[in-house]
Amino acid sequence: MRQVPILILSMTLSLTGCVSERVVLLPSKDGHPSKVTVRNENGEILLAAPYEQATQRSGYFRINQADAALIEQRYAPALSAQPPRERRFMLFFETASDMPAPDSLLTLEQVKSEIAGRPAAEIVIIGHTDRVGSEDENEALSARRVETVRNLLIDGGIEAVRIDTAYRGEREPLVATPDGVSDPVNRRVEISVR
């Protein structure tokens, strides 16, 4: 799931009791197009261009283009306080192994470095297998892979409370294969750092 950069700029109550709220779609740092739907009890609107803004007053939206320089200047403290974007890493495994392949141990060092650069990092580890073996065996293997990677991170100084885990067995392959077919890309652990 792609993160959409938005900024809820203000929510004010006027002397007449009308609530005014503004939402601005910020440009994505990687240049990919993004969009966001803003909803309330009266309907919804779509923001799909950088610095497009929706202003809500008394329950109704108005869309227009915000001045990028003004947004950057006026809300600089809020914009600079945004957390870094999520980073994803993949570690790969040999058939039936619960220890990452040697190249993936280098990737694990990159993961540790990314975590170290984030003061309040959240880590999610998800284990997968290929389609060799039974579903039950693959479920257990993906759980062992997750536990191995979790322990490697903890041994590297990462606090256990910052790590969430899940395992999928053979249910979510990157490459669809028939049952019993070995594919190295499917034998993986995905790590998300946010």
C-alpha atoms as a PDB file:
ATOM      1  CA  MET A   1       0.000   0.000   0.000  1.00  0.00           C
ATOM      2  CA  ARG A   2       1.413   3.366  -1.064  1.00  0.00           C
ATOM      3  CA  GLN A   3       1.517   6.141   1.514  1.00  0.00           C
ATOM      4  CA  VAL A   4      -0.200   9.323   0.346  1.00  0.00           C
ATOM      5  CA  PRO A   5       1.356  12.576   1.538  1.00  0.00           C
ATOM      6  CA  ILE A   6      -1.378  14.862   2.842  1.00  0.00           C
ATOM      7  CA  LEU A   7      -1.401  17.709   5.270  1.00  0.00           C
ATOM      8  CA  ILE A   8      -4.424  18.635   7.339  1.00  0.00           C
ATOM      9  CA  LEU A   9      -3.580  22.275   7.643  1.00  0.00           C
ATOM     10  CA  SER A  10      -6.168  23.756   9.876  1.00  0.00           C
ATOM     11  CA  MET A  11      -9.380  23.250  11.650  1.00  0.00           C
ATOM     12  CA  THR A  12     -10.949  26.403  13.016  1.00  0.00           C
ATOM     13  CA  LEU A  13     -14.209  27.442  14.555  1.00  0.00           C
ATOM     14  CA  SER A  14     -15.465  30.834  13.419  1.00  0.00           C
ATOM     15  CA  LEU A  15     -17.457  33.288  15.503  1.00  0.00           C
ATOM     16  CA  THR A  16     -20.590  32.105  13.708  1.00  0.00           C
ATOM     17  CA  GLY A  17     -19.973  28.524  14.829  1.00  0.00           C
ATOM     18  CA  CYS A  18     -18.977  27.251  11.359  1.00  0.00           C
ATOM     19  CA  VAL A  19     -16.161  24.725  11.327  1.00  0.00           C
ATOM     20  CA  SER A  20     -13.614  25.186   8.553  1.00  0.00           C
ATOM     21  CA  GLU A  21     -11.115  22.480   7.656  1.00  0.00           C
ATOM     22  CA  ARG A  22      -8.472  22.355   4.921  1.00  0.00           C
ATOM     23  CA  VAL A  23      -6.704  19.306   3.473  1.00  0.00           C
ATOM     24  CA  VAL A  24      -3.831  19.651   0.977  1.00  0.00           C
ATOM     25  CA  LEU A  25      -2.385  16.842  -1.148  1.00  0.00           C
ATOM     26  CA  LEU A  26       1.385  17.191  -1.009  1.00  0.00           C
ATOM     27  CA  PRO A  27       3.627  16.009  -3.858  1.00  0.00           C
ATOM     28  CA  SER A  28       5.122  12.564  -3.297  1.00  0.00           C
ATOM     29  CA  LYS A  29       8.866  12.525  -2.655  1.00  0.00           C
ATOM     30  CA  ASP A  30       9.409   9.783  -5.226  1.00  0.00           C
ATOM     31  CA  GLY A  31       7.515  11.601  -7.992  1.00  0.00           C
ATOM     32  CA  HIS A  32       4.749   9.025  -8.297  1.00  0.00           C
ATOM     33  CA  PRO A  33       1.236  10.404  -8.706  1.00  0.00           C
ATOM     34  CA  SER A  34      -0.929  10.198  -5.638  1.00  0.00           C
ATOM     35  CA  LYS A  35      -4.494  10.943  -4.742  1.00  0.00           C
ATOM     36  CA  VAL A  36      -6.703  11.014  -1.695  1.00  0.00           C
ATOM     37  CA  THR A  37     -10.445  10.966  -1.172  1.00  0.00           C
ATOM     38  CA  VAL A  38     -11.816  13.335   1.445  1.00  0.00           C
ATOM     39  CA  ARG A  39     -15.242  12.426   2.815  1.00  0.00           C
ATOM     40  CA  ASN A  40     -17.810  13.875   5.132  1.00  0.00           C
ATOM     41  CA  GLU A  41     -21.519  13.406   5.783  1.00  0.00           C
ATOM     42  CA  ASN A  42     -22.397  15.421   2.654  1.00  0.00           C
ATOM     43  CA  GLY A  43     -20.269  13.487   0.177  1.00  0.00           C
ATOM     44  CA  GLU A  44     -16.717  13.033  -1.000  1.00  0.00           C
ATOM     45  CA  ILE A  45     -14.177  14.661  -3.277  1.00  0.00           C
ATOM     46  CA  LEU A  46     -10.943  13.472  -4.873  1.00  0.00           C
ATOM     47  CA  LEU A  47      -7.676  15.379  -4.654  1.00  0.00           C
ATOM     48  CA  ALA A  48      -5.353  14.144  -7.404  1.00  0.00           C
ATOM     49  CA  ALA A  49      -2.830  16.916  -8.175  1.00  0.00           C
ATOM     50  CA  PRO A  50       0.054  18.177  -6.016  1.00  0.00           C
ATOM     51  CA  TYR A  51      -1.021  21.059  -3.783  1.00  0.00           C
ATOM     52  CA  GLU A  52      -4.675  20.603  -4.663  1.00  0.00           C
ATOM     53  CA  GLN A  53      -6.678  21.475  -1.590  1.00  0.00           C
ATOM     54  CA  ALA A  54     -10.128  20.878  -0.226  1.00  0.00           C
ATOM     55  CA  THR A  55     -11.589  23.429   2.114  1.00  0.00           C
ATOM     56  CA  GLN A  56     -14.639  22.410   4.072  1.00  0.00           C
ATOM     57  CA  ARG A  57     -16.935  25.013   5.532  1.00  0.00           C
ATOM     58  CA  SER A  58     -20.266  24.169   7.135  1.00  0.00           C
ATOM     59  CA  GLY A  59     -20.042  20.634   5.783  1.00  0.00           C
ATOM     60  CA  TYR A  60     -19.428  21.503   2.108  1.00  0.00           C
ATOM     61  CA  PHE A  61     -16.173  21.228   0.146  1.00  0.00           C
ATOM     62  CA  ARG A  62     -14.496  23.655  -2.181  1.00  0.00           C
ATOM     63  CA  ILE A  63     -11.507  22.490  -4.257  1.00  0.00           C
ATOM     64  CA  ASN A  64      -8.754  24.750  -5.538  1.00  0.00           C
ATOM     65  CA  GLN A  65      -5.018  24.835  -6.114  1.00  0.00           C
ATOM     66  CA  ALA A  66      -2.960  25.963  -3.110  1.00  0.00           C
ATOM     67  CA  ASP A  67       0.107  28.134  -3.590  1.00  0.00           C
ATOM     68  CA  ALA A  68       3.023  25.690  -3.143  1.00  0.00           C
ATOM     69  CA  ALA A  69       5.484  28.329  -1.893  1.00  0.00           C
ATOM     70  CA  LEU A  70       2.971  29.659   0.619  1.00  0.00           C
ATOM     71  CA  ILE A  71       2.215  26.152   1.938  1.00  0.00           C
ATOM     72  CA  GLU A  72       5.941  25.354   2.231  1.00  0.00           C
ATOM     73  CA  GLN A  73       6.621  28.639   4.036  1.00  0.00           C
ATOM     74  CA  ARG A  74       3.593  28.830   6.292  1.00  0.00           C
ATOM     75  CA  TYR A  75       3.661  25.195   7.428  1.00  0.00           C
ATOM     76  CA  ALA A  76       7.429  24.579   7.413  1.00  0.00           C
ATOM     77  CA  PRO A  77       7.532  23.308  11.033  1.00  0.00           C
ATOM     78  CA  ALA A  78       4.737  20.781  10.392  1.00  0.00           C
ATOM     79  CA  LEU A  79       6.264  19.658   7.095  1.00  0.00           C
ATOM     80  CA  SER A  80       9.720  19.198   8.618  1.00  0.00           C
ATOM     81  CA  ALA A  81       8.227  17.139  11.465  1.00  0.00           C
ATOM     82  CA  GLN A  82       6.863  14.468   9.126  1.00  0.00           C
ATOM     83  CA  PRO A  83       8.342  11.021   9.723  1.00  0.00           C
ATOM     84  CA  PRO A  84      10.407   9.465   6.948  1.00  0.00           C
ATOM     85  CA  ARG A  85       8.592   7.274   4.459  1.00  0.00           C
ATOM     86  CA  GLU A  86       8.261   3.544   4.999  1.00  0.00           C
ATOM     87  CA  ARG A  87      11.090   1.436   3.586  1.00  0.00           C
ATOM     88  CA  ARG A  88      10.683  -2.196   2.549  1.00  0.00           C
ATOM     89  CA  PHE A  89      13.334  -4.878   2.398  1.00  0.00           C
ATOM     90  CA  MET A  90      13.316  -8.528   1.317  1.00  0.00           C
ATOM     91  CA  LEU A  91      15.454 -11.327   2.647  1.00  0.00           C
ATOM     92  CA  PHE A  92      15.624 -14.566   0.672  1.00  0.00           C
ATOM     93  CA  PHE A  93      16.127 -18.160   1.826  1.00  0.00           C
ATOM     94  CA  GLU A  94      17.331 -21.461   0.423  1.00  0.00           C
ATOM     95  CA  THR A  95      14.794 -24.287   0.049  1.00  0.00           C
ATOM     96  CA  ALA A  96      13.481 -25.476   3.444  1.00  0.00           C
ATOM     97  CA  SER A  97      15.936 -23.214   5.309  1.00  0.00           C
ATOM     98  CA  ASP A  98      15.006 -20.814   8.070  1.00  0.00           C
ATOM     99  CA  MET A  99      18.334 -18.925   7.851  1.00  0.00           C
ATOM    100  CA  PRO A 100      18.628 -16.022   5.342  1.00  0.00           C
ATOM    101  CA  ALA A 101      20.850 -16.591   2.317  1.00  0.00           C
ATOM    102  CA  PRO A 102      24.313 -14.935   2.574  1.00  0.00           C
ATOM    103  CA  ASP A 103      23.367 -12.003   0.300  1.00  0.00           C
ATOM    104  CA  SER A 104      20.319 -11.380   2.458  1.00  0.00           C
ATOM    105  CA  LEU A 105      22.471 -11.036   5.555  1.00  0.00           C
ATOM    106  CA  LEU A 106      23.917  -7.919   3.884  1.00  0.00           C
ATOM    107  CA  THR A 107      20.374  -6.644   3.384  1.00  0.00           C
ATOM    108  CA  LEU A 108      19.718  -7.292   7.059  1.00  0.00           C
ATOM    109  CA  GLU A 109      22.551  -4.865   7.873  1.00  0.00           C
ATOM    110  CA  GLN A 110      20.781  -2.234   5.738  1.00  0.00           C
ATOM    111  CA  VAL A 111      17.596  -2.909   7.718  1.00  0.00           C
ATOM    112  CA  LYS A 112      19.432  -2.355  11.001  1.00  0.00           C
ATOM    113  CA  SER A 113      20.919   0.876   9.681  1.00  0.00           C
ATOM    114  CA  GLU A 114      17.494   2.123   8.570  1.00  0.00           C
ATOM    115  CA  ILE A 115      16.018   1.314  11.983  1.00  0.00           C
ATOM    116  CA  ALA A 116      18.904   3.070  13.753  1.00  0.00           C
ATOM    117  CA  GLY A 117      18.147   6.242  11.783  1.00  0.00           C
ATOM    118  CA  ARG A 118      14.563   6.396  13.023  1.00  0.00           C
ATOM    119  CA  PRO A 119      14.000   7.340  16.653  1.00  0.00           C
ATOM    120  CA  ALA A 120      10.604   5.614  16.893  1.00  0.00           C
ATOM    121  CA  ALA A 121      10.767   2.989  14.169  1.00  0.00           C
ATOM    122  CA  GLU A 122       8.055   0.386  13.824  1.00  0.00           C
ATOM    123  CA  ILE A 123       9.134  -2.882  12.213  1.00  0.00           C
ATOM    124  CA  VAL A 124       6.857  -5.453  10.593  1.00  0.00           C
ATOM    125  CA  ILE A 125       8.283  -8.834   9.537  1.00  0.00           C
ATOM    126  CA  ILE A 126       6.210 -11.106   7.276  1.00  0.00           C
ATOM    127  CA  GLY A 127       7.372 -14.617   6.343  1.00  0.00           C
ATOM    128  CA  HIS A 128       6.636 -16.494   3.099  1.00  0.00           C
ATOM    129  CA  THR A 129       7.542 -19.788   1.427  1.00  0.00           C
ATOM    130  CA  ASP A 130       7.440 -21.311  -2.012  1.00  0.00           C
ATOM    131  CA  ARG A 131       4.968 -24.103  -2.831  1.00  0.00           C
ATOM    132  CA  VAL A 132       7.243 -27.066  -2.090  1.00  0.00           C
ATOM    133  CA  GLY A 133       5.852 -29.116   0.803  1.00  0.00           C
ATOM    134  CA  SER A 134       2.456 -29.168   2.432  1.00  0.00           C
ATOM    135  CA  GLU A 135       0.544 -26.044   3.440  1.00  0.00           C
ATOM    136  CA  ASP A 136       1.043 -26.899   7.131  1.00  0.00           C
ATOM    137  CA  GLU A 137       4.797 -27.398   6.664  1.00  0.00           C
ATOM    138  CA  ASN A 138       5.069 -24.093   4.800  1.00  0.00           C
ATOM    139  CA  GLU A 139       3.056 -22.278   7.429  1.00  0.00           C
ATOM    140  CA  ALA A 140       5.454 -23.528  10.117  1.00  0.00           C
ATOM    141  CA  LEU A 141       8.521 -22.749   7.947  1.00  0.00           C
ATOM    142  CA  SER A 142       7.394 -19.171   7.336  1.00  0.00           C
ATOM    143  CA  ALA A 143       6.863 -18.761  11.104  1.00  0.00           C
ATOM    144  CA  ARG A 144      10.400 -20.077  11.786  1.00  0.00           C
ATOM    145  CA  ARG A 145      11.840 -17.662   9.186  1.00  0.00           C
ATOM    146  CA  VAL A 146      10.088 -14.755  10.847  1.00  0.00           C
ATOM    147  CA  GLU A 147      11.322 -15.804  14.271  1.00  0.00           C
ATOM    148  CA  THR A 148      14.902 -16.153  12.986  1.00  0.00           C
ATOM    149  CA  VAL A 149      14.877 -12.665  11.458  1.00  0.00           C
ATOM    150  CA  ARG A 150      13.220 -11.222  14.564  1.00  0.00           C
ATOM    151  CA  ASN A 151      15.917 -12.754  16.761  1.00  0.00           C
ATOM    152  CA  LEU A 152      18.687 -11.480  14.463  1.00  0.00           C
ATOM    153  CA  LEU A 153      17.284  -7.956  14.796  1.00  0.00           C
ATOM    154  CA  ILE A 154      16.935  -8.265  18.576  1.00  0.00           C
ATOM    155  CA  ASP A 155      20.505  -9.632  18.815  1.00  0.00           C
ATOM    156  CA  GLY A 156      21.520  -6.547  16.801  1.00  0.00           C
ATOM    157  CA  GLY A 157      20.109  -4.242  19.463  1.00  0.00           C
ATOM    158  CA  ILE A 158      16.560  -3.658  18.196  1.00  0.00           C
ATOM    159  CA  GLU A 159      13.944  -3.591  20.961  1.00  0.00           C
ATOM    160  CA  ALA A 160      11.511  -6.502  20.703  1.00  0.00           C
ATOM    161  CA  VAL A 161       8.524  -4.257  21.466  1.00  0.00           C
ATOM    162  CA  ARG A 162       9.141  -2.384  18.190  1.00  0.00           C
ATOM    163  CA  ILE A 163       8.707  -5.552  16.092  1.00  0.00           C
ATOM    164  CA  ASP A 164       5.413  -6.976  14.833  1.00  0.00           C
ATOM    165  CA  THR A 165       5.354 -10.301  12.997  1.00  0.00           C
ATOM    166  CA  ALA A 166       3.117 -12.298  10.688  1.00  0.00           C
ATOM    167  CA  TYR A 167       3.568 -15.316   8.467  1.00  0.00           C
ATOM    168  CA  ARG A 168       1.762 -16.327   5.314  1.00  0.00           C
ATOM    169  CA  GLY A 169       3.208 -19.704   4.357  1.00  0.00           C
ATOM    170  CA  GLU A 170       2.677 -20.250   0.629  1.00  0.00           C
ATOM    171  CA  ARG A 171      -0.503 -18.107   0.412  1.00  0.00           C
ATOM    172  CA  GLU A 172       0.997 -14.888  -1.015  1.00  0.00           C
ATOM    173  CA  PRO A 173       3.611 -15.744  -3.641  1.00  0.00           C
ATOM    174  CA  LEU A 174       5.364 -13.022  -5.626  1.00  0.00           C
ATOM    175  CA  VAL A 175       5.518 -15.455  -8.539  1.00  0.00           C
ATOM    176  CA  ALA A 176       2.498 -17.696  -9.058  1.00  0.00           C
ATOM    177  CA  THR A 177       3.595 -21.319  -9.438  1.00  0.00           C
ATOM    178  CA  PRO A 178       1.859 -24.686  -9.388  1.00  0.00           C
ATOM    179  CA  ASP A 179       1.951 -26.689  -6.179  1.00  0.00           C
ATOM    180  CA  GLY A 180       5.308 -28.354  -5.591  1.00  0.00           C
ATOM    181  CA  VAL A 181       7.310 -25.849  -7.677  1.00  0.00           C
ATOM    182  CA  SER A 182      10.298 -24.215  -6.025  1.00  0.00           C
ATOM    183  CA  ASP A 183      10.788 -20.504  -6.707  1.00  0.00           C
ATOM    184  CA  PRO A 184      13.543 -18.572  -4.886  1.00  0.00           C
ATOM    185  CA  VAL A 185      11.643 -15.267  -5.017  1.00  0.00           C
ATOM    186  CA  ASN A 186       8.774 -16.751  -3.035  1.00  0.00           C
ATOM    187  CA  ARG A 187      11.094 -17.959  -0.250  1.00  0.00           C
ATOM    188  CA  ARG A 188      11.324 -14.621   1.488  1.00  0.00           C
ATOM    189  CA  VAL A 189      10.792 -12.483   4.531  1.00  0.00           C
ATOM    190  CA  GLU A 190       9.527  -8.969   3.925  1.00  0.00           C
ATOM    191  CA  ILE A 191      10.563  -6.285   6.405  1.00  0.00           C
ATOM    192  CA  SER A 192       8.788  -2.971   6.601  1.00  0.00           C
ATOM    193  CA  VAL A 193      10.382  -0.138   8.564  1.00  0.00           C
ATOM    194  CA  ARG A 194       8.259   2.911   9.257  1.00  0.00           C
END
